[in-house]
PDB file of all heavy atoms in Angstrom:
ATOM      1  N   PHE A   1      21.613 -53.688  83.668  1.00  0.00           N
ATOM      2  CA  PHE A   1      21.164 -55.031  83.282  1.00  0.00           C
ATOM      3  C   PHE A   1      21.364 -55.974  84.453  1.00  0.00           C
ATOM      4  O   PHE A   1      22.213 -55.726  85.326  1.00  0.00           O
ATOM      5  CB  PHE A   1      21.887 -55.499  82.019  1.00  0.00           C
ATOM      6  CG  PHE A   1      23.231 -56.130  82.287  1.00  0.00           C
ATOM      7  CD1 PHE A   1      23.364 -57.514  82.331  1.00  0.00           C
ATOM      8  CD2 PHE A   1      24.359 -55.360  82.473  1.00  0.00           C
ATOM      9  CE1 PHE A   1      24.603 -58.106  82.562  1.00  0.00           C
ATOM     10  CE2 PHE A   1      25.610 -55.948  82.689  1.00  0.00           C
ATOM     11  CZ  PHE A   1      25.714 -57.326  82.722  1.00  0.00           C
ATOM     12  N   THR A   2      20.639 -57.065  84.459  1.00  0.00           N
ATOM     13  CA  THR A   2      20.602 -57.893  85.637  1.00  0.00           C
ATOM     14  C   THR A   2      20.926 -59.348  85.327  1.00  0.00           C
ATOM     15  O   THR A   2      20.801 -59.804  84.183  1.00  0.00           O
ATOM     16  CB  THR A   2      19.207 -57.806  86.294  1.00  0.00           C
ATOM     17  OG1 THR A   2      19.212 -58.528  87.535  1.00  0.00           O
ATOM     18  CG2 THR A   2      18.125 -58.426  85.394  1.00  0.00           C
ATOM     19  N   THR A   3      21.355 -60.053  86.355  1.00  0.00           N
ATOM     20  CA  THR A   3      21.403 -61.506  86.329  1.00  0.00           C
ATOM     21  C   THR A   3      20.169 -62.008  87.063  1.00  0.00           C
ATOM     22  O   THR A   3      19.162 -61.315  87.131  1.00  0.00           O
ATOM     23  CB  THR A   3      22.693 -62.014  87.013  1.00  0.00           C
ATOM     24  OG1 THR A   3      22.690 -61.627  88.385  1.00  0.00           O
ATOM     25  CG2 THR A   3      23.925 -61.419  86.343  1.00  0.00           C
ATOM     26  N   ASP A   4      20.235 -63.216  87.601  1.00  0.00           N
ATOM     27  CA  ASP A   4      19.079 -63.739  88.320  1.00  0.00           C
ATOM     28  C   ASP A   4      18.875 -63.057  89.679  1.00  0.00           C
ATOM     29  O   ASP A   4      17.785 -63.126  90.238  1.00  0.00           O
ATOM     30  CB  ASP A   4      19.236 -65.255  88.560  1.00  0.00           C
ATOM     31  CG  ASP A   4      19.095 -66.038  87.293  1.00  0.00           C
ATOM     32  OD1 ASP A   4      18.516 -65.536  86.310  1.00  0.00           O
ATOM     33  OD2 ASP A   4      19.584 -67.189  87.257  1.00  0.00           O
ATOM     34  N   ALA A   5      19.909 -62.397  90.168  1.00  0.00           N
ATOM     35  CA  ALA A   5      19.829 -61.744  91.461  1.00  0.00           C
ATOM     36  C   ALA A   5      19.436 -60.279  91.305  1.00  0.00           C
ATOM     37  O   ALA A   5      20.085 -59.527  90.602  1.00  0.00           O
ATOM     38  CB  ALA A   5      21.163 -61.841  92.193  1.00  0.00           C
ATOM     39  N   PHE A   6      18.385 -59.891  91.985  1.00  0.00           N
ATOM     40  CA  PHE A   6      17.949 -58.500  91.935  1.00  0.00           C
ATOM     41  C   PHE A   6      19.023 -57.559  92.425  1.00  0.00           C
ATOM     42  O   PHE A   6      19.129 -56.445  91.922  1.00  0.00           O
ATOM     43  CB  PHE A   6      16.678 -58.335  92.770  1.00  0.00           C
ATOM     44  CG  PHE A   6      16.192 -56.926  92.848  1.00  0.00           C
ATOM     45  CD1 PHE A   6      15.465 -56.368  91.797  1.00  0.00           C
ATOM     46  CD2 PHE A   6      16.450 -56.133  93.947  1.00  0.00           C
ATOM     47  CE1 PHE A   6      15.015 -55.067  91.867  1.00  0.00           C
ATOM     48  CE2 PHE A   6      16.006 -54.820  94.022  1.00  0.00           C
ATOM     49  CZ  PHE A   6      15.287 -54.284  92.981  1.00  0.00           C
ATOM     50  N   THR A   7      19.822 -57.988  93.365  1.00  0.00           N
ATOM     51  CA  THR A   7      20.861 -57.132  93.924  1.00  0.00           C
ATOM     52  C   THR A   7      21.974 -56.834  92.948  1.00  0.00           C
ATOM     53  O   THR A   7      22.820 -55.967  93.232  1.00  0.00           O
ATOM     54  CB  THR A   7      21.442 -57.746  95.203  1.00  0.00           C
ATOM     55  OG1 THR A   7      21.882 -59.072  94.925  1.00  0.00           O
ATOM     56  CG2 THR A   7      20.419 -57.762  96.311  1.00  0.00           C
ATOM     57  N   SER A   8      22.011 -57.500  91.814  1.00  0.00           N
ATOM     58  CA  SER A   8      22.987 -57.187  90.792  1.00  0.00           C
ATOM     59  C   SER A   8      22.627 -55.938  89.999  1.00  0.00           C
ATOM     60  O   SER A   8      23.442 -55.419  89.247  1.00  0.00           O
ATOM     61  CB  SER A   8      23.160 -58.371  89.824  1.00  0.00           C
ATOM     62  OG  SER A   8      21.998 -58.513  88.999  1.00  0.00           O
ATOM     63  N   GLU A   9      21.399 -55.455  90.136  1.00  0.00           N
ATOM     64  CA  GLU A   9      20.947 -54.277  89.432  1.00  0.00           C
ATOM     65  C   GLU A   9      21.471 -53.026  90.121  1.00  0.00           C
ATOM     66  O   GLU A   9      21.317 -52.839  91.311  1.00  0.00           O
ATOM     67  CB  GLU A   9      19.433 -54.252  89.376  1.00  0.00           C
ATOM     68  CG  GLU A   9      18.845 -55.456  88.631  1.00  0.00           C
ATOM     69  CD  GLU A   9      17.330 -55.519  88.698  1.00  0.00           C
ATOM     70  OE1 GLU A   9      16.733 -54.659  89.362  1.00  0.00           O
ATOM     71  OE2 GLU A   9      16.755 -56.436  88.087  1.00  0.00           O
ATOM     72  N   ARG A  10      22.077 -52.151  89.318  1.00  0.00           N
ATOM     73  CA  ARG A  10      22.632 -50.905  89.808  1.00  0.00           C
ATOM     74  C   ARG A  10      21.716 -49.771  89.416  1.00  0.00           C
ATOM     75  O   ARG A  10      21.192 -49.737  88.314  1.00  0.00           O
ATOM     76  CB  ARG A  10      24.029 -50.692  89.231  1.00  0.00           C
ATOM     77  CG  ARG A  10      24.998 -51.822  89.575  1.00  0.00           C
ATOM     78  CD  ARG A  10      26.265 -51.759  88.731  1.00  0.00           C
ATOM     79  NE  ARG A  10      26.008 -51.910  87.310  1.00  0.00           N
ATOM     80  CZ  ARG A  10      25.785 -53.051  86.685  1.00  0.00           C
ATOM     81  NH1 ARG A  10      25.797 -54.187  87.382  1.00  0.00           N
ATOM     82  NH2 ARG A  10      25.558 -53.085  85.390  1.00  0.00           N
ATOM     83  N   THR A  11      21.541 -48.821  90.316  1.00  0.00           N
ATOM     84  CA  THR A  11      20.643 -47.715  90.051  1.00  0.00           C
ATOM     85  C   THR A  11      21.406 -46.397  90.072  1.00  0.00           C
ATOM     86  O   THR A  11      22.411 -46.246  90.757  1.00  0.00           O
ATOM     87  CB  THR A  11      19.511 -47.671  91.089  1.00  0.00           C
ATOM     88  OG1 THR A  11      20.051 -47.551  92.410  1.00  0.00           O
ATOM     89  CG2 THR A  11      18.650 -48.913  91.015  1.00  0.00           C
ATOM     90  N   HIS A  12      20.898 -45.463  89.302  1.00  0.00           N
ATOM     91  CA  HIS A  12      21.471 -44.124  89.188  1.00  0.00           C
ATOM     92  C   HIS A  12      20.344 -43.116  89.133  1.00  0.00           C
ATOM     93  O   HIS A  12      19.301 -43.386  88.546  1.00  0.00           O
ATOM     94  CB  HIS A  12      22.325 -44.023  87.908  1.00  0.00           C
ATOM     95  CG  HIS A  12      23.347 -45.094  87.773  1.00  0.00           C
ATOM     96  ND1 HIS A  12      24.638 -44.955  88.222  1.00  0.00           N
ATOM     97  CD2 HIS A  12      23.249 -46.355  87.264  1.00  0.00           C
ATOM     98  CE1 HIS A  12      25.316 -46.071  87.964  1.00  0.00           C
ATOM     99  NE2 HIS A  12      24.494 -46.932  87.398  1.00  0.00           N
ATOM    100  N   TYR A  13      20.572 -41.940  89.707  1.00  0.00           N
ATOM    101  CA  TYR A  13      19.547 -40.921  89.755  1.00  0.00           C
ATOM    102  C   TYR A  13      20.133 -39.559  89.498  1.00  0.00           C
ATOM    103  O   TYR A  13      21.270 -39.265  89.912  1.00  0.00           O
ATOM    104  CB  TYR A  13      18.860 -40.895  91.123  1.00  0.00           C
ATOM    105  CG  TYR A  13      18.128 -42.166  91.447  1.00  0.00           C
ATOM    106  CD1 TYR A  13      18.734 -43.163  92.200  1.00  0.00           C
ATOM    107  CD2 TYR A  13      16.818 -42.376  90.988  1.00  0.00           C
ATOM    108  CE1 TYR A  13      18.065 -44.330  92.497  1.00  0.00           C
ATOM    109  CE2 TYR A  13      16.152 -43.527  91.293  1.00  0.00           C
ATOM    110  CZ  TYR A  13      16.767 -44.508  92.042  1.00  0.00           C
ATOM    111  OH  TYR A  13      16.098 -45.682  92.334  1.00  0.00           O
ATOM    112  N   ALA A  14      19.367 -38.736  88.833  1.00  0.00           N
ATOM    113  CA  ALA A  14      19.717 -37.339  88.696  1.00  0.00           C
ATOM    114  C   ALA A  14      19.585 -36.667  90.066  1.00  0.00           C
ATOM    115  O   ALA A  14      18.745 -37.055  90.887  1.00  0.00           O
ATOM    116  CB  ALA A  14      18.816 -36.658  87.684  1.00  0.00           C
ATOM    117  N   ASP A  15      20.418 -35.667  90.310  1.00  0.00           N
ATOM    118  CA  ASP A  15      20.362 -34.970  91.582  1.00  0.00           C
ATOM    119  C   ASP A  15      18.971 -34.379  91.857  1.00  0.00           C
ATOM    120  O   ASP A  15      18.536 -34.318  93.011  1.00  0.00           O
ATOM    121  CB  ASP A  15      21.412 -33.867  91.631  1.00  0.00           C
ATOM    122  CG  ASP A  15      22.814 -34.394  91.754  1.00  0.00           C
ATOM    123  OD1 ASP A  15      22.993 -35.573  92.122  1.00  0.00           O
ATOM    124  OD2 ASP A  15      23.746 -33.630  91.470  1.00  0.00           O
ATOM    125  N   SER A  16      18.297 -33.970  90.808  1.00  0.00           N
ATOM    126  CA  SER A  16      17.002 -33.321  90.989  1.00  0.00           C
ATOM    127  C   SER A  16      15.921 -34.257  91.483  1.00  0.00           C
ATOM    128  O   SER A  16      14.885 -33.794  91.993  1.00  0.00           O
ATOM    129  CB  SER A  16      16.563 -32.693  89.662  1.00  0.00           C
ATOM    130  OG  SER A  16      16.438 -33.665  88.636  1.00  0.00           O
ATOM    131  N   VAL A  17      16.120 -35.563  91.343  1.00  0.00           N
ATOM    132  CA  VAL A  17      15.093 -36.520  91.777  1.00  0.00           C
ATOM    133  C   VAL A  17      15.574 -37.458  92.865  1.00  0.00           C
ATOM    134  O   VAL A  17      14.779 -38.253  93.373  1.00  0.00           O
ATOM    135  CB  VAL A  17      14.552 -37.343  90.588  1.00  0.00           C
ATOM    136  CG1 VAL A  17      14.082 -36.428  89.474  1.00  0.00           C
ATOM    137  CG2 VAL A  17      15.625 -38.300  90.078  1.00  0.00           C
ATOM    138  N   LYS A  18      16.837 -37.373  93.218  1.00  0.00           N
ATOM    139  CA  LYS A  18      17.401 -38.248  94.220  1.00  0.00           C
ATOM    140  C   LYS A  18      16.634 -38.132  95.532  1.00  0.00           C
ATOM    141  O   LYS A  18      16.404 -37.016  96.034  1.00  0.00           O
ATOM    142  CB  LYS A  18      18.887 -37.931  94.419  1.00  0.00           C
ATOM    143  CG  LYS A  18      19.671 -38.972  95.209  1.00  0.00           C
ATOM    144  CD  LYS A  18      21.128 -38.542  95.298  1.00  0.00           C
ATOM    145  CE  LYS A  18      21.748 -38.277  93.954  1.00  0.00           C
ATOM    146  NZ  LYS A  18      23.158 -37.857  94.063  1.00  0.00           N
ATOM    147  N   GLY A  19      16.247 -39.256  96.099  1.00  0.00           N
ATOM    148  CA  GLY A  19      15.505 -39.270  97.326  1.00  0.00           C
ATOM    149  C   GLY A  19      14.004 -39.172  97.138  1.00  0.00           C
ATOM    150  O   GLY A  19      13.259 -39.385  98.106  1.00  0.00           O
ATOM    151  N   ARG A  20      13.543 -38.843  95.952  1.00  0.00           N
ATOM    152  CA  ARG A  20      12.125 -38.726  95.663  1.00  0.00           C
ATOM    153  C   ARG A  20      11.641 -39.793  94.689  1.00  0.00           C
ATOM    154  O   ARG A  20      10.501 -40.228  94.780  1.00  0.00           O
ATOM    155  CB  ARG A  20      11.789 -37.352  95.076  1.00  0.00           C
ATOM    156  CG  ARG A  20      12.053 -36.203  96.020  1.00  0.00           C
ATOM    157  CD  ARG A  20      11.446 -34.919  95.465  1.00  0.00           C
ATOM    158  NE  ARG A  20      12.034 -34.540  94.183  1.00  0.00           N
ATOM    159  CZ  ARG A  20      11.354 -34.396  93.055  1.00  0.00           C
ATOM    160  NH1 ARG A  20      10.049 -34.598  93.021  1.00  0.00           N
ATOM    161  NH2 ARG A  20      11.983 -34.032  91.931  1.00  0.00           N
ATOM    162  N   PHE A  21      12.483 -40.192  93.738  1.00  0.00           N
ATOM    163  CA  PHE A  21      12.104 -41.167  92.722  1.00  0.00           C
ATOM    164  C   PHE A  21      12.855 -42.462  92.944  1.00  0.00           C
ATOM    165  O   PHE A  21      14.005 -42.467  93.414  1.00  0.00           O
ATOM    166  CB  PHE A  21      12.467 -40.646  91.318  1.00  0.00           C
ATOM    167  CG  PHE A  21      11.648 -39.494  90.835  1.00  0.00           C
ATOM    168  CD1 PHE A  21      10.763 -38.809  91.641  1.00  0.00           C
ATOM    169  CD2 PHE A  21      11.760 -39.078  89.513  1.00  0.00           C
ATOM    170  CE1 PHE A  21      10.013 -37.742  91.181  1.00  0.00           C
ATOM    171  CE2 PHE A  21      11.025 -38.016  89.029  1.00  0.00           C
ATOM    172  CZ  PHE A  21      10.145 -37.344  89.861  1.00  0.00           C
ATOM    173  N   ILE A  22      12.229 -43.561  92.588  1.00  0.00           N
ATOM    174  CA  ILE A  22      12.842 -44.883  92.674  1.00  0.00           C
ATOM    175  C   ILE A  22      12.573 -45.622  91.378  1.00  0.00           C
ATOM    176  O   ILE A  22      11.422 -45.704  90.928  1.00  0.00           O
ATOM    177  CB  ILE A  22      12.296 -45.692  93.853  1.00  0.00           C
ATOM    178  CG1 ILE A  22      12.588 -44.991  95.182  1.00  0.00           C
ATOM    179  CG2 ILE A  22      12.897 -47.110  93.856  1.00  0.00           C
ATOM    180  CD1 ILE A  22      11.942 -45.639  96.394  1.00  0.00           C
ATOM    181  N   ILE A  23      13.631 -46.166  90.787  1.00  0.00           N
ATOM    182  CA  ILE A  23      13.479 -46.998  89.600  1.00  0.00           C
ATOM    183  C   ILE A  23      13.601 -48.455  90.019  1.00  0.00           C
ATOM    184  O   ILE A  23      14.421 -48.810  90.854  1.00  0.00           O
ATOM    185  CB  ILE A  23      14.530 -46.638  88.534  1.00  0.00           C
ATOM    186  CG1 ILE A  23      14.266 -47.410  87.238  1.00  0.00           C
ATOM    187  CG2 ILE A  23      15.950 -46.872  89.027  1.00  0.00           C
ATOM    188  CD1 ILE A  23      15.115 -46.950  86.054  1.00  0.00           C
ATOM    189  N   SER A  24      12.761 -49.294  89.463  1.00  0.00           N
ATOM    190  CA  SER A  24      12.786 -50.719  89.742  1.00  0.00           C
ATOM    191  C   SER A  24      12.393 -51.480  88.483  1.00  0.00           C
ATOM    192  O   SER A  24      11.881 -50.898  87.521  1.00  0.00           O
ATOM    193  CB  SER A  24      11.860 -51.072  90.903  1.00  0.00           C
ATOM    194  OG  SER A  24      10.507 -50.789  90.589  1.00  0.00           O
ATOM    195  N   ARG A  25      12.608 -52.776  88.504  1.00  0.00           N
ATOM    196  CA  ARG A  25      12.271 -53.587  87.342  1.00  0.00           C
ATOM    197  C   ARG A  25      11.692 -54.928  87.766  1.00  0.00           C
ATOM    198  O   ARG A  25      12.008 -55.449  88.846  1.00  0.00           O
ATOM    199  CB  ARG A  25      13.490 -53.792  86.438  1.00  0.00           C
ATOM    200  CG  ARG A  25      14.622 -54.574  87.077  1.00  0.00           C
ATOM    201  CD  ARG A  25      15.914 -54.462  86.247  1.00  0.00           C
ATOM    202  NE  ARG A  25      15.749 -55.029  84.930  1.00  0.00           N
ATOM    203  CZ  ARG A  25      16.531 -54.757  83.877  1.00  0.00           C
ATOM    204  NH1 ARG A  25      17.532 -53.875  84.005  1.00  0.00           N
ATOM    205  NH2 ARG A  25      16.312 -55.346  82.715  1.00  0.00           N
TER     206      ARG A  25
END
């Protein structure tokens, strides 16, 4: 979840997709 700052958003990835997939909002 986020505040007004985009940099407050934390991302997590499964090992199988790390480096290939990007989540954003």
